[in-house]
Amino acid sequence: MMTRTQKGTDRTRLAGGAAIRLDGVHKSFGDLHAVRGIDLQVEQGEIVAFLGPNGAGKTTTIDMILGLGRPDEGTVQTLGMAPRDAVSRGLVAAVMQTGGLLRDVSVAETVELTASLFVHTRDVQECLERAGIWGIRDQRVGKCSGGEQQRLRFAMALVSDPALLVLDEPTTGMDVTGRRDFWAAIRSDARRGRTVLFATHYLEEADQYADRIVLVRHGEVVADGTGAQIKARASGRTIRATLDRPDRAALLAIEGVEALDIRGESVTIGAHNSDAVARALLNTMGARDLEITAQGLEEAFMTLTSDANEGARA
């Protein structure tokens, strides 16, 4: 994805147009319909969390934004142009979970090698410092921890000074301090106009750092808004209880159940009428250790992306 590019005057914010625009995008792999008519627009300078359960179509959609795949139907534009054109100009960079690293070279040499692929670059030391790895610049990549390697990928992404930064599980392997410092750097860059789209399983990161949250389920957008708006859409409460033999069909048949997650004997239910659901659990199913709590983003995520929420849309 990294090629030589023409020098630009302002690479974090371009004149006019959205950073990302998807119109009626579909993508299938054989019988698997991975993306089912996604419409999405991300403005320049936004930080957007792109969330969904495994198999929701997130990776397929991100691949099309990066020019790694093409839609079967609909259009994808990145920074007002075809995704591959934006990437070839060095205007887009990605931080992925795995790959892209040579184990036998040093941290600094890795970023220097990346910088050599571009005409317009940021200072290597600056990128290493922003990624929090200047202190291990002489360390071999193979000796770095998983969190340090993620920071290195971040430095590599920054070196071309991209207008759009796409992050896939960017803080995997980082400790609490590393995650905090990473997001502080992202926020600082966003204030300069850089657009950030990220996928994460750490929902508290999405709630705390994203300007918008987009939830996808079975290849479709089911919610789009601020963290507060997403949680408001899933108003209600969460019931947690322990059952000896949870029966999914019987639980879904309880009036008022909107989302259901079963893990062994532990049952988590999203519901508006939590009192009625709790009575059913206690009186007819022998539930124990029952507790009822207000919904946060995690519960909203479960409610809006659950199969029990079939038919809900943004």
C-alpha atoms as a PDB file:
ATOM      1  CA  MET A   1       0.000   0.000   0.000  1.00  0.00           C
ATOM      2  CA  MET A   2       2.969   2.317   0.366  1.00  0.00           C
ATOM      3  CA  THR A   3       4.202   3.898  -2.858  1.00  0.00           C
ATOM      4  CA  ARG A   4       5.984   7.059  -3.847  1.00  0.00           C
ATOM      5  CA  THR A   5       3.676  10.040  -3.887  1.00  0.00           C
ATOM      6  CA  GLN A   6       3.592  13.631  -4.995  1.00  0.00           C
ATOM      7  CA  LYS A   7       4.394  16.272  -2.422  1.00  0.00           C
ATOM      8  CA  GLY A   8       1.285  18.071  -1.132  1.00  0.00           C
ATOM      9  CA  THR A   9       0.754  21.334   0.728  1.00  0.00           C
ATOM     10  CA  ASP A  10      -1.801  20.225   3.330  1.00  0.00           C
ATOM     11  CA  ARG A  11      -2.108  16.491   3.720  1.00  0.00           C
ATOM     12  CA  THR A  12      -4.291  16.307   6.806  1.00  0.00           C
ATOM     13  CA  ARG A  13      -7.272  18.200   5.407  1.00  0.00           C
ATOM     14  CA  LEU A  14      -8.033  18.414   1.702  1.00  0.00           C
ATOM     15  CA  ALA A  15     -10.215  20.991  -0.005  1.00  0.00           C
ATOM     16  CA  GLY A  16     -13.868  19.968  -0.101  1.00  0.00           C
ATOM     17  CA  GLY A  17     -15.562  16.599   0.050  1.00  0.00           C
ATOM     18  CA  ALA A  18     -15.930  13.840   2.608  1.00  0.00           C
ATOM     19  CA  ALA A  19     -13.025  11.704   3.765  1.00  0.00           C
ATOM     20  CA  ILE A  20     -15.031   8.505   3.196  1.00  0.00           C
ATOM     21  CA  ARG A  21     -18.220   7.998   1.220  1.00  0.00           C
ATOM     22  CA  LEU A  22     -19.998   4.691   0.625  1.00  0.00           C
ATOM     23  CA  ASP A  23     -23.229   4.620  -1.370  1.00  0.00           C
ATOM     24  CA  GLY A  24     -25.294   1.421  -1.564  1.00  0.00           C
ATOM     25  CA  VAL A  25     -22.243  -0.824  -1.194  1.00  0.00           C
ATOM     26  CA  HIS A  26     -22.680  -4.596  -1.513  1.00  0.00           C
ATOM     27  CA  LYS A  27     -19.991  -7.267  -1.412  1.00  0.00           C
ATOM     28  CA  SER A  28     -20.362 -11.040  -1.552  1.00  0.00           C
ATOM     29  CA  PHE A  29     -17.985 -13.992  -1.411  1.00  0.00           C
ATOM     30  CA  GLY A  30     -19.808 -16.864  -3.044  1.00  0.00           C
ATOM     31  CA  ASP A  31     -22.989 -17.434  -1.029  1.00  0.00           C
ATOM     32  CA  LEU A  32     -21.782 -15.169   1.791  1.00  0.00           C
ATOM     33  CA  HIS A  33     -23.296 -11.671   1.494  1.00  0.00           C
ATOM     34  CA  ALA A  34     -20.739  -9.831   3.663  1.00  0.00           C
ATOM     35  CA  VAL A  35     -21.900  -6.239   3.018  1.00  0.00           C
ATOM     36  CA  ARG A  36     -25.564  -5.479   2.317  1.00  0.00           C
ATOM     37  CA  GLY A  37     -26.132  -1.954   1.063  1.00  0.00           C
ATOM     38  CA  ILE A  38     -24.009   0.154   3.417  1.00  0.00           C
ATOM     39  CA  ASP A  39     -24.380   3.932   3.127  1.00  0.00           C
ATOM     40  CA  LEU A  40     -21.761   5.842   5.133  1.00  0.00           C
ATOM     41  CA  GLN A  41     -20.188   9.284   5.050  1.00  0.00           C
ATOM     42  CA  VAL A  42     -17.273  10.353   7.252  1.00  0.00           C
ATOM     43  CA  GLU A  43     -16.303  14.017   7.191  1.00  0.00           C
ATOM     44  CA  GLN A  44     -12.707  15.202   7.242  1.00  0.00           C
ATOM     45  CA  GLY A  45     -11.356  15.628  10.752  1.00  0.00           C
ATOM     46  CA  GLU A  46     -13.807  13.180  12.356  1.00  0.00           C
ATOM     47  CA  ILE A  47     -12.812  10.290  14.606  1.00  0.00           C
ATOM     48  CA  VAL A  48     -15.270   7.476  13.889  1.00  0.00           C
ATOM     49  CA  ALA A  49     -15.495   4.078  15.586  1.00  0.00           C
ATOM     50  CA  PHE A  50     -16.663   1.328  13.231  1.00  0.00           C
ATOM     51  CA  LEU A  51     -17.998  -1.455  15.434  1.00  0.00           C
ATOM     52  CA  GLY A  52     -19.804  -4.744  15.111  1.00  0.00           C
ATOM     53  CA  PRO A  53     -19.618  -8.396  16.156  1.00  0.00           C
ATOM     54  CA  ASN A  54     -17.397 -10.885  14.344  1.00  0.00           C
ATOM     55  CA  GLY A  55     -18.753 -11.498  10.850  1.00  0.00           C
ATOM     56  CA  ALA A  56     -20.592  -8.169  10.696  1.00  0.00           C
ATOM     57  CA  GLY A  57     -18.733  -7.025   7.570  1.00  0.00           C
ATOM     58  CA  LYS A  58     -16.309  -4.558   9.199  1.00  0.00           C
ATOM     59  CA  THR A  59     -13.123  -5.953   7.683  1.00  0.00           C
ATOM     60  CA  THR A  60     -14.671  -6.300   4.219  1.00  0.00           C
ATOM     61  CA  THR A  61     -15.840  -2.680   4.354  1.00  0.00           C
ATOM     62  CA  ILE A  62     -12.452  -1.428   5.571  1.00  0.00           C
ATOM     63  CA  ASP A  63     -10.725  -3.380   2.790  1.00  0.00           C
ATOM     64  CA  MET A  64     -12.863  -1.570   0.203  1.00  0.00           C
ATOM     65  CA  ILE A  65     -12.094   1.828   1.790  1.00  0.00           C
ATOM     66  CA  LEU A  66      -8.392   0.961   1.497  1.00  0.00           C
ATOM     67  CA  GLY A  67      -8.717  -0.209  -2.100  1.00  0.00           C
ATOM     68  CA  LEU A  68      -7.962  -3.835  -1.187  1.00  0.00           C
ATOM     69  CA  GLY A  69     -11.321  -4.940  -2.544  1.00  0.00           C
ATOM     70  CA  ARG A  70     -14.007  -3.589  -4.851  1.00  0.00           C
ATOM     71  CA  PRO A  71     -17.775  -3.567  -4.273  1.00  0.00           C
ATOM     72  CA  ASP A  72     -20.020  -5.804  -6.332  1.00  0.00           C
ATOM     73  CA  GLU A  73     -22.551  -2.982  -6.311  1.00  0.00           C
ATOM     74  CA  GLY A  74     -22.468   0.665  -5.204  1.00  0.00           C
ATOM     75  CA  THR A  75     -19.568   3.114  -4.987  1.00  0.00           C
ATOM     76  CA  VAL A  76     -16.711   3.803  -2.561  1.00  0.00           C
ATOM     77  CA  GLN A  77     -14.780   7.077  -2.500  1.00  0.00           C
ATOM     78  CA  THR A  78     -11.831   7.877  -0.287  1.00  0.00           C
ATOM     79  CA  LEU A  79     -10.924  11.575  -0.036  1.00  0.00           C
ATOM     80  CA  GLY A  80     -13.047  12.259  -3.127  1.00  0.00           C
ATOM     81  CA  MET A  81     -11.288   9.737  -5.361  1.00  0.00           C
ATOM     82  CA  ALA A  82     -11.033   6.026  -5.989  1.00  0.00           C
ATOM     83  CA  PRO A  83      -9.517   4.360  -2.908  1.00  0.00           C
ATOM     84  CA  ARG A  84      -6.485   3.014  -4.777  1.00  0.00           C
ATOM     85  CA  ASP A  85      -5.722   6.503  -6.119  1.00  0.00           C
ATOM     86  CA  ALA A  86      -5.844   7.979  -2.600  1.00  0.00           C
ATOM     87  CA  VAL A  87      -3.572   5.231  -1.299  1.00  0.00           C
ATOM     88  CA  SER A  88      -1.098   5.586  -4.192  1.00  0.00           C
ATOM     89  CA  ARG A  89      -0.751   9.297  -3.377  1.00  0.00           C
ATOM     90  CA  GLY A  90       0.171   8.499   0.221  1.00  0.00           C
ATOM     91  CA  LEU A  91      -3.010  10.138   1.531  1.00  0.00           C
ATOM     92  CA  VAL A  92      -4.196   7.012   3.366  1.00  0.00           C
ATOM     93  CA  ALA A  93      -2.385   4.876   5.922  1.00  0.00           C
ATOM     94  CA  ALA A  94      -3.517   1.883   7.961  1.00  0.00           C
ATOM     95  CA  VAL A  95      -2.524   0.291  11.247  1.00  0.00           C
ATOM     96  CA  MET A  96      -3.496  -3.372  11.126  1.00  0.00           C
ATOM     97  CA  GLN A  97      -3.252  -6.055  13.815  1.00  0.00           C
ATOM     98  CA  THR A  98      -0.604  -8.214  12.189  1.00  0.00           C
ATOM     99  CA  GLY A  99       1.980  -8.326   9.412  1.00  0.00           C
ATOM    100  CA  GLY A 100       4.092  -5.680   7.735  1.00  0.00           C
ATOM    101  CA  LEU A 101       7.171  -5.955   9.991  1.00  0.00           C
ATOM    102  CA  LEU A 102      10.696  -7.284   9.433  1.00  0.00           C
ATOM    103  CA  ARG A 103      11.920  -8.955  12.619  1.00  0.00           C
ATOM    104  CA  ASP A 104      15.667  -8.560  12.018  1.00  0.00           C
ATOM    105  CA  VAL A 105      15.852  -4.778  11.559  1.00  0.00           C
ATOM    106  CA  SER A 106      15.623  -2.124  14.245  1.00  0.00           C
ATOM    107  CA  VAL A 107      12.585  -0.032  15.126  1.00  0.00           C
ATOM    108  CA  ALA A 108      14.126   3.143  13.695  1.00  0.00           C
ATOM    109  CA  GLU A 109      15.339   1.394  10.544  1.00  0.00           C
ATOM    110  CA  THR A 110      11.814   0.102   9.941  1.00  0.00           C
ATOM    111  CA  VAL A 111      10.326   3.605   9.973  1.00  0.00           C
ATOM    112  CA  GLU A 112      13.241   4.978   7.907  1.00  0.00           C
ATOM    113  CA  LEU A 113      12.627   2.251   5.314  1.00  0.00           C
ATOM    114  CA  THR A 114       8.942   3.187   5.204  1.00  0.00           C
ATOM    115  CA  ALA A 115       9.827   6.871   4.823  1.00  0.00           C
ATOM    116  CA  SER A 116      12.078   6.066   1.859  1.00  0.00           C
ATOM    117  CA  LEU A 117       8.990   4.991  -0.100  1.00  0.00           C
ATOM    118  CA  PHE A 118       7.508   8.493  -0.045  1.00  0.00           C
ATOM    119  CA  VAL A 119       8.479  11.906  -1.353  1.00  0.00           C
ATOM    120  CA  HIS A 120       6.563  13.802   1.323  1.00  0.00           C
ATOM    121  CA  THR A 121       7.264  12.512   4.855  1.00  0.00           C
ATOM    122  CA  ARG A 122       7.290  13.559   8.476  1.00  0.00           C
ATOM    123  CA  ASP A 123      10.487  13.440  10.494  1.00  0.00           C
ATOM    124  CA  VAL A 124      11.247   9.875  11.579  1.00  0.00           C
ATOM    125  CA  GLN A 125      12.212  10.909  15.106  1.00  0.00           C
ATOM    126  CA  GLU A 126       8.960  12.858  15.454  1.00  0.00           C
ATOM    127  CA  CYS A 127       6.952   9.805  14.396  1.00  0.00           C
ATOM    128  CA  LEU A 128       8.788   7.539  16.822  1.00  0.00           C
ATOM    129  CA  GLU A 129       8.259  10.015  19.642  1.00  0.00           C
ATOM    130  CA  ARG A 130       4.556  10.406  18.863  1.00  0.00           C
ATOM    131  CA  ALA A 131       4.207   6.633  18.886  1.00  0.00           C
ATOM    132  CA  GLY A 132       6.059   6.447  22.220  1.00  0.00           C
ATOM    133  CA  ILE A 133       8.904   4.227  20.984  1.00  0.00           C
ATOM    134  CA  TRP A 134      11.837   6.625  20.563  1.00  0.00           C
ATOM    135  CA  GLY A 135      13.428   4.995  23.611  1.00  0.00           C
ATOM    136  CA  ILE A 136      13.574   1.585  21.881  1.00  0.00           C
ATOM    137  CA  ARG A 137      14.597   2.901  18.439  1.00  0.00           C
ATOM    138  CA  ASP A 138      17.694   0.628  18.287  1.00  0.00           C
ATOM    139  CA  GLN A 139      15.847  -2.510  19.395  1.00  0.00           C
ATOM    140  CA  ARG A 140      15.241  -5.280  16.869  1.00  0.00           C
ATOM    141  CA  VAL A 141      11.597  -5.613  15.890  1.00  0.00           C
ATOM    142  CA  GLY A 142      11.619  -9.318  16.773  1.00  0.00           C
ATOM    143  CA  LYS A 143      12.450  -8.405  20.365  1.00  0.00           C
ATOM    144  CA  CYS A 144       9.519  -5.993  20.707  1.00  0.00           C
ATOM    145  CA  SER A 145       6.361  -6.895  22.598  1.00  0.00           C
ATOM    146  CA  GLY A 146       3.006  -7.047  20.844  1.00  0.00           C
ATOM    147  CA  GLY A 147       2.118  -3.594  22.152  1.00  0.00           C
ATOM    148  CA  GLU A 148       5.447  -2.147  21.010  1.00  0.00           C
ATOM    149  CA  GLN A 149       4.928  -3.610  17.550  1.00  0.00           C
ATOM    150  CA  GLN A 150       1.515  -1.952  17.355  1.00  0.00           C
ATOM    151  CA  ARG A 151       3.150   1.370  18.288  1.00  0.00           C
ATOM    152  CA  LEU A 152       5.694   0.761  15.535  1.00  0.00           C
ATOM    153  CA  ARG A 153       2.907   0.230  12.995  1.00  0.00           C
ATOM    154  CA  PHE A 154       1.430   3.513  14.158  1.00  0.00           C
ATOM    155  CA  ALA A 155       4.767   5.296  13.587  1.00  0.00           C
ATOM    156  CA  MET A 156       4.979   3.736  10.124  1.00  0.00           C
ATOM    157  CA  ALA A 157       1.475   5.005   9.334  1.00  0.00           C
ATOM    158  CA  LEU A 158       2.306   8.522  10.513  1.00  0.00           C
ATOM    159  CA  VAL A 159       5.465   8.912   8.460  1.00  0.00           C
ATOM    160  CA  SER A 160       3.606   9.680   5.202  1.00  0.00           C
ATOM    161  CA  ASP A 161       1.506  12.317   7.023  1.00  0.00           C
ATOM    162  CA  PRO A 162      -1.774  10.824   5.746  1.00  0.00           C
ATOM    163  CA  ALA A 163      -5.071  12.668   5.544  1.00  0.00           C
ATOM    164  CA  LEU A 164      -6.945   9.470   6.498  1.00  0.00           C
ATOM    165  CA  LEU A 165      -5.766   6.982   9.117  1.00  0.00           C
ATOM    166  CA  VAL A 166      -7.527   3.614   9.341  1.00  0.00           C
ATOM    167  CA  LEU A 167      -6.939   1.598  12.510  1.00  0.00           C
ATOM    168  CA  ASP A 168      -7.883  -2.055  12.994  1.00  0.00           C
ATOM    169  CA  GLU A 169      -7.698  -3.025  16.689  1.00  0.00           C
ATOM    170  CA  PRO A 170      -4.856  -0.502  17.133  1.00  0.00           C
ATOM    171  CA  THR A 171      -4.229  -0.966  20.871  1.00  0.00           C
ATOM    172  CA  THR A 172      -4.143  -4.766  20.941  1.00  0.00           C
ATOM    173  CA  GLY A 173      -1.306  -5.834  23.250  1.00  0.00           C
ATOM    174  CA  MET A 174      -0.852  -2.387  24.814  1.00  0.00           C
ATOM    175  CA  ASP A 175      -1.073  -1.843  28.548  1.00  0.00           C
ATOM    176  CA  VAL A 176      -3.371   0.782  30.077  1.00  0.00           C
ATOM    177  CA  THR A 177      -0.727   3.521  29.926  1.00  0.00           C
ATOM    178  CA  GLY A 178       0.150   2.677  26.330  1.00  0.00           C
ATOM    179  CA  ARG A 179      -3.480   2.812  25.271  1.00  0.00           C
ATOM    180  CA  ARG A 180      -3.978   6.183  26.963  1.00  0.00           C
ATOM    181  CA  ASP A 181      -0.874   7.663  25.345  1.00  0.00           C
ATOM    182  CA  PHE A 182      -1.835   6.243  21.954  1.00  0.00           C
ATOM    183  CA  TRP A 183      -5.247   7.890  22.016  1.00  0.00           C
ATOM    184  CA  ALA A 184      -3.778  11.167  23.208  1.00  0.00           C
ATOM    185  CA  ALA A 185      -1.605  11.155  20.070  1.00  0.00           C
ATOM    186  CA  ILE A 186      -4.619  10.325  17.887  1.00  0.00           C
ATOM    187  CA  ARG A 187      -6.638  13.176  19.402  1.00  0.00           C
ATOM    188  CA  SER A 188      -3.780  15.596  18.818  1.00  0.00           C
ATOM    189  CA  ASP A 189      -3.564  14.594  15.148  1.00  0.00           C
ATOM    190  CA  ALA A 190      -7.337  14.852  14.704  1.00  0.00           C
ATOM    191  CA  ARG A 191      -7.229  18.460  15.915  1.00  0.00           C
ATOM    192  CA  ARG A 192      -4.928  19.166  12.946  1.00  0.00           C
ATOM    193  CA  GLY A 193      -7.627  17.830  10.613  1.00  0.00           C
ATOM    194  CA  ARG A 194      -6.617  14.210  10.175  1.00  0.00           C
ATOM    195  CA  THR A 195      -9.555  11.814   9.769  1.00  0.00           C
ATOM    196  CA  VAL A 196      -9.504   8.588  11.800  1.00  0.00           C
ATOM    197  CA  LEU A 197     -11.636   5.478  11.280  1.00  0.00           C
ATOM    198  CA  PHE A 198     -11.034   2.690  13.775  1.00  0.00           C
ATOM    199  CA  ALA A 199     -12.368  -0.737  14.678  1.00  0.00           C
ATOM    200  CA  THR A 200     -11.907  -2.028  18.205  1.00  0.00           C
ATOM    201  CA  HIS A 201     -13.203  -4.598  20.672  1.00  0.00           C
ATOM    202  CA  TYR A 202     -12.457  -2.167  23.530  1.00  0.00           C
ATOM    203  CA  LEU A 203     -15.856  -0.476  23.607  1.00  0.00           C
ATOM    204  CA  GLU A 204     -14.746   1.999  26.275  1.00  0.00           C
ATOM    205  CA  GLU A 205     -12.249   3.365  23.724  1.00  0.00           C
ATOM    206  CA  ALA A 206     -15.051   3.999  21.260  1.00  0.00           C
ATOM    207  CA  ASP A 207     -17.170   5.654  23.949  1.00  0.00           C
ATOM    208  CA  GLN A 208     -14.341   7.855  25.181  1.00  0.00           C
ATOM    209  CA  TYR A 209     -12.484   8.849  22.027  1.00  0.00           C
ATOM    210  CA  ALA A 210     -14.830   8.656  19.013  1.00  0.00           C
ATOM    211  CA  ASP A 211     -16.837  11.616  17.721  1.00  0.00           C
ATOM    212  CA  ARG A 212     -19.244   9.101  16.162  1.00  0.00           C
ATOM    213  CA  ILE A 213     -19.954   5.416  16.533  1.00  0.00           C
ATOM    214  CA  VAL A 214     -21.211   3.362  13.590  1.00  0.00           C
ATOM    215  CA  LEU A 215     -22.608  -0.085  14.461  1.00  0.00           C
ATOM    216  CA  VAL A 216     -22.901  -2.750  11.784  1.00  0.00           C
ATOM    217  CA  ARG A 217     -24.677  -6.087  11.911  1.00  0.00           C
ATOM    218  CA  HIS A 218     -24.868  -8.696   9.148  1.00  0.00           C
ATOM    219  CA  GLY A 219     -23.374  -6.227   6.659  1.00  0.00           C
ATOM    220  CA  GLU A 220     -25.757  -3.359   7.403  1.00  0.00           C
ATOM    221  CA  VAL A 221     -25.549  -0.182   9.489  1.00  0.00           C
ATOM    222  CA  VAL A 222     -27.929  -0.524  12.456  1.00  0.00           C
ATOM    223  CA  ALA A 223     -26.943   2.620  14.398  1.00  0.00           C
ATOM    224  CA  ASP A 224     -24.931   5.781  13.735  1.00  0.00           C
ATOM    225  CA  GLY A 225     -24.404   8.598  16.233  1.00  0.00           C
ATOM    226  CA  THR A 226     -22.488   9.800  19.266  1.00  0.00           C
ATOM    227  CA  GLY A 227     -21.872   7.448  22.163  1.00  0.00           C
ATOM    228  CA  ALA A 228     -24.700   9.120  24.099  1.00  0.00           C
ATOM    229  CA  GLN A 229     -27.080   8.760  21.138  1.00  0.00           C
ATOM    230  CA  ILE A 230     -26.212   5.085  20.679  1.00  0.00           C
ATOM    231  CA  LYS A 231     -26.839   4.373  24.363  1.00  0.00           C
ATOM    232  CA  ALA A 232     -30.121   6.326  24.247  1.00  0.00           C
ATOM    233  CA  ARG A 233     -31.310   4.220  21.292  1.00  0.00           C
ATOM    234  CA  ALA A 234     -30.828   1.121  23.406  1.00  0.00           C
ATOM    235  CA  SER A 235     -32.630   2.551  26.393  1.00  0.00           C
ATOM    236  CA  GLY A 236     -33.638  -0.075  28.878  1.00  0.00           C
ATOM    237  CA  ARG A 237     -31.815  -2.228  31.353  1.00  0.00           C
ATOM    238  CA  THR A 238     -29.576  -5.253  31.452  1.00  0.00           C
ATOM    239  CA  ILE A 239     -30.516  -8.343  33.447  1.00  0.00           C
ATOM    240  CA  ARG A 240     -27.788 -10.790  34.407  1.00  0.00           C
ATOM    241  CA  ALA A 241     -28.604 -14.124  35.980  1.00  0.00           C
ATOM    242  CA  THR A 242     -27.366 -17.671  36.422  1.00  0.00           C
ATOM    243  CA  LEU A 243     -29.423 -20.606  35.068  1.00  0.00           C
ATOM    244  CA  ASP A 244     -28.633 -24.306  35.355  1.00  0.00           C
ATOM    245  CA  ARG A 245     -29.514 -25.096  31.721  1.00  0.00           C
ATOM    246  CA  PRO A 246     -30.182 -21.914  29.738  1.00  0.00           C
ATOM    247  CA  ASP A 247     -32.640 -22.549  26.902  1.00  0.00           C
ATOM    248  CA  ARG A 248     -32.119 -19.939  24.165  1.00  0.00           C
ATOM    249  CA  ALA A 249     -35.523 -20.451  22.555  1.00  0.00           C
ATOM    250  CA  ALA A 250     -37.352 -20.234  25.875  1.00  0.00           C
ATOM    251  CA  LEU A 251     -35.448 -17.111  26.902  1.00  0.00           C
ATOM    252  CA  LEU A 252     -36.118 -15.344  23.603  1.00  0.00           C
ATOM    253  CA  ALA A 253     -39.791 -16.213  23.999  1.00  0.00           C
ATOM    254  CA  ILE A 254     -40.051 -14.135  27.212  1.00  0.00           C
ATOM    255  CA  GLU A 255     -42.006 -10.987  26.433  1.00  0.00           C
ATOM    256  CA  GLY A 256     -39.749  -7.923  26.499  1.00  0.00           C
ATOM    257  CA  VAL A 257     -36.434  -9.670  25.722  1.00  0.00           C
ATOM    258  CA  GLU A 258     -34.573  -7.585  23.119  1.00  0.00           C
ATOM    259  CA  ALA A 259     -31.063  -9.049  23.270  1.00  0.00           C
ATOM    260  CA  LEU A 260     -29.615 -12.254  24.643  1.00  0.00           C
ATOM    261  CA  ASP A 261     -26.116 -13.510  25.366  1.00  0.00           C
ATOM    262  CA  ILE A 262     -25.498 -16.959  26.907  1.00  0.00           C
ATOM    263  CA  ARG A 263     -22.092 -17.973  28.207  1.00  0.00           C
ATOM    264  CA  GLY A 264     -22.256 -21.284  30.019  1.00  0.00           C
ATOM    265  CA  GLU A 265     -24.718 -20.827  32.892  1.00  0.00           C
ATOM    266  CA  SER A 266     -24.455 -17.019  32.743  1.00  0.00           C
ATOM    267  CA  VAL A 267     -27.249 -15.202  30.916  1.00  0.00           C
ATOM    268  CA  THR A 268     -27.260 -11.514  29.929  1.00  0.00           C
ATOM    269  CA  ILE A 269     -30.493 -10.004  28.642  1.00  0.00           C
ATOM    270  CA  GLY A 270     -31.304  -6.541  27.307  1.00  0.00           C
ATOM    271  CA  ALA A 271     -34.893  -5.473  27.932  1.00  0.00           C
ATOM    272  CA  HIS A 272     -37.097  -2.399  28.302  1.00  0.00           C
ATOM    273  CA  ASN A 273     -39.469  -4.044  30.811  1.00  0.00           C
ATOM    274  CA  SER A 274     -36.771  -5.491  33.038  1.00  0.00           C
ATOM    275  CA  ASP A 275     -39.122  -6.174  35.949  1.00  0.00           C
ATOM    276  CA  ALA A 276     -41.336  -8.456  33.863  1.00  0.00           C
ATOM    277  CA  VAL A 277     -38.334 -10.327  32.474  1.00  0.00           C
ATOM    278  CA  ALA A 278     -36.850 -10.694  35.957  1.00  0.00           C
ATOM    279  CA  ARG A 279     -40.141 -12.151  37.277  1.00  0.00           C
ATOM    280  CA  ALA A 280     -40.189 -14.696  34.449  1.00  0.00           C
ATOM    281  CA  LEU A 281     -36.606 -15.716  35.135  1.00  0.00           C
ATOM    282  CA  LEU A 282     -37.188 -16.108  38.870  1.00  0.00           C
ATOM    283  CA  ASN A 283     -40.653 -17.691  38.786  1.00  0.00           C
ATOM    284  CA  THR A 284     -40.451 -20.049  35.802  1.00  0.00           C
ATOM    285  CA  MET A 285     -36.753 -20.720  35.197  1.00  0.00           C
ATOM    286  CA  GLY A 286     -35.253 -20.858  38.664  1.00  0.00           C
ATOM    287  CA  ALA A 287     -32.776 -18.056  38.050  1.00  0.00           C
ATOM    288  CA  ARG A 288     -30.329 -17.090  40.805  1.00  0.00           C
ATOM    289  CA  ASP A 289     -27.768 -14.330  41.364  1.00  0.00           C
ATOM    290  CA  LEU A 290     -30.011 -11.978  39.387  1.00  0.00           C
ATOM    291  CA  GLU A 291     -29.045  -8.332  38.995  1.00  0.00           C
ATOM    292  CA  ILE A 292     -30.477  -5.447  36.967  1.00  0.00           C
ATOM    293  CA  THR A 293     -28.337  -2.522  35.754  1.00  0.00           C
ATOM    294  CA  ALA A 294     -28.731   0.495  33.456  1.00  0.00           C
ATOM    295  CA  GLN A 295     -27.285   0.027  29.986  1.00  0.00           C
ATOM    296  CA  GLY A 296     -23.881   1.360  28.995  1.00  0.00           C
ATOM    297  CA  LEU A 297     -22.256   1.178  25.553  1.00  0.00           C
ATOM    298  CA  GLU A 298     -21.457  -2.516  25.933  1.00  0.00           C
ATOM    299  CA  GLU A 299     -25.104  -3.319  26.626  1.00  0.00           C
ATOM    300  CA  ALA A 300     -26.236  -1.010  23.819  1.00  0.00           C
ATOM    301  CA  PHE A 301     -23.827  -2.784  21.473  1.00  0.00           C
ATOM    302  CA  MET A 302     -25.267  -6.141  22.483  1.00  0.00           C
ATOM    303  CA  THR A 303     -28.851  -4.929  22.102  1.00  0.00           C
ATOM    304  CA  LEU A 304     -28.422  -3.281  18.700  1.00  0.00           C
ATOM    305  CA  THR A 305     -26.294  -6.018  17.110  1.00  0.00           C
ATOM    306  CA  SER A 306     -28.046  -9.038  18.627  1.00  0.00           C
ATOM    307  CA  ASP A 307     -30.062 -11.478  16.502  1.00  0.00           C
ATOM    308  CA  ALA A 308     -32.890 -10.785  18.939  1.00  0.00           C
ATOM    309  CA  ASN A 309     -32.938  -7.220  17.524  1.00  0.00           C
ATOM    310  CA  GLU A 310     -33.697  -8.319  13.938  1.00  0.00           C
ATOM    311  CA  GLY A 311     -35.145  -5.470  11.894  1.00  0.00           C
ATOM    312  CA  ALA A 312     -33.701  -2.510  13.835  1.00  0.00           C
ATOM    313  CA  ARG A 313     -32.038   0.220  11.734  1.00  0.00           C
ATOM    314  CA  ALA A 314     -30.288   3.537  12.330  1.00  0.00           C
END
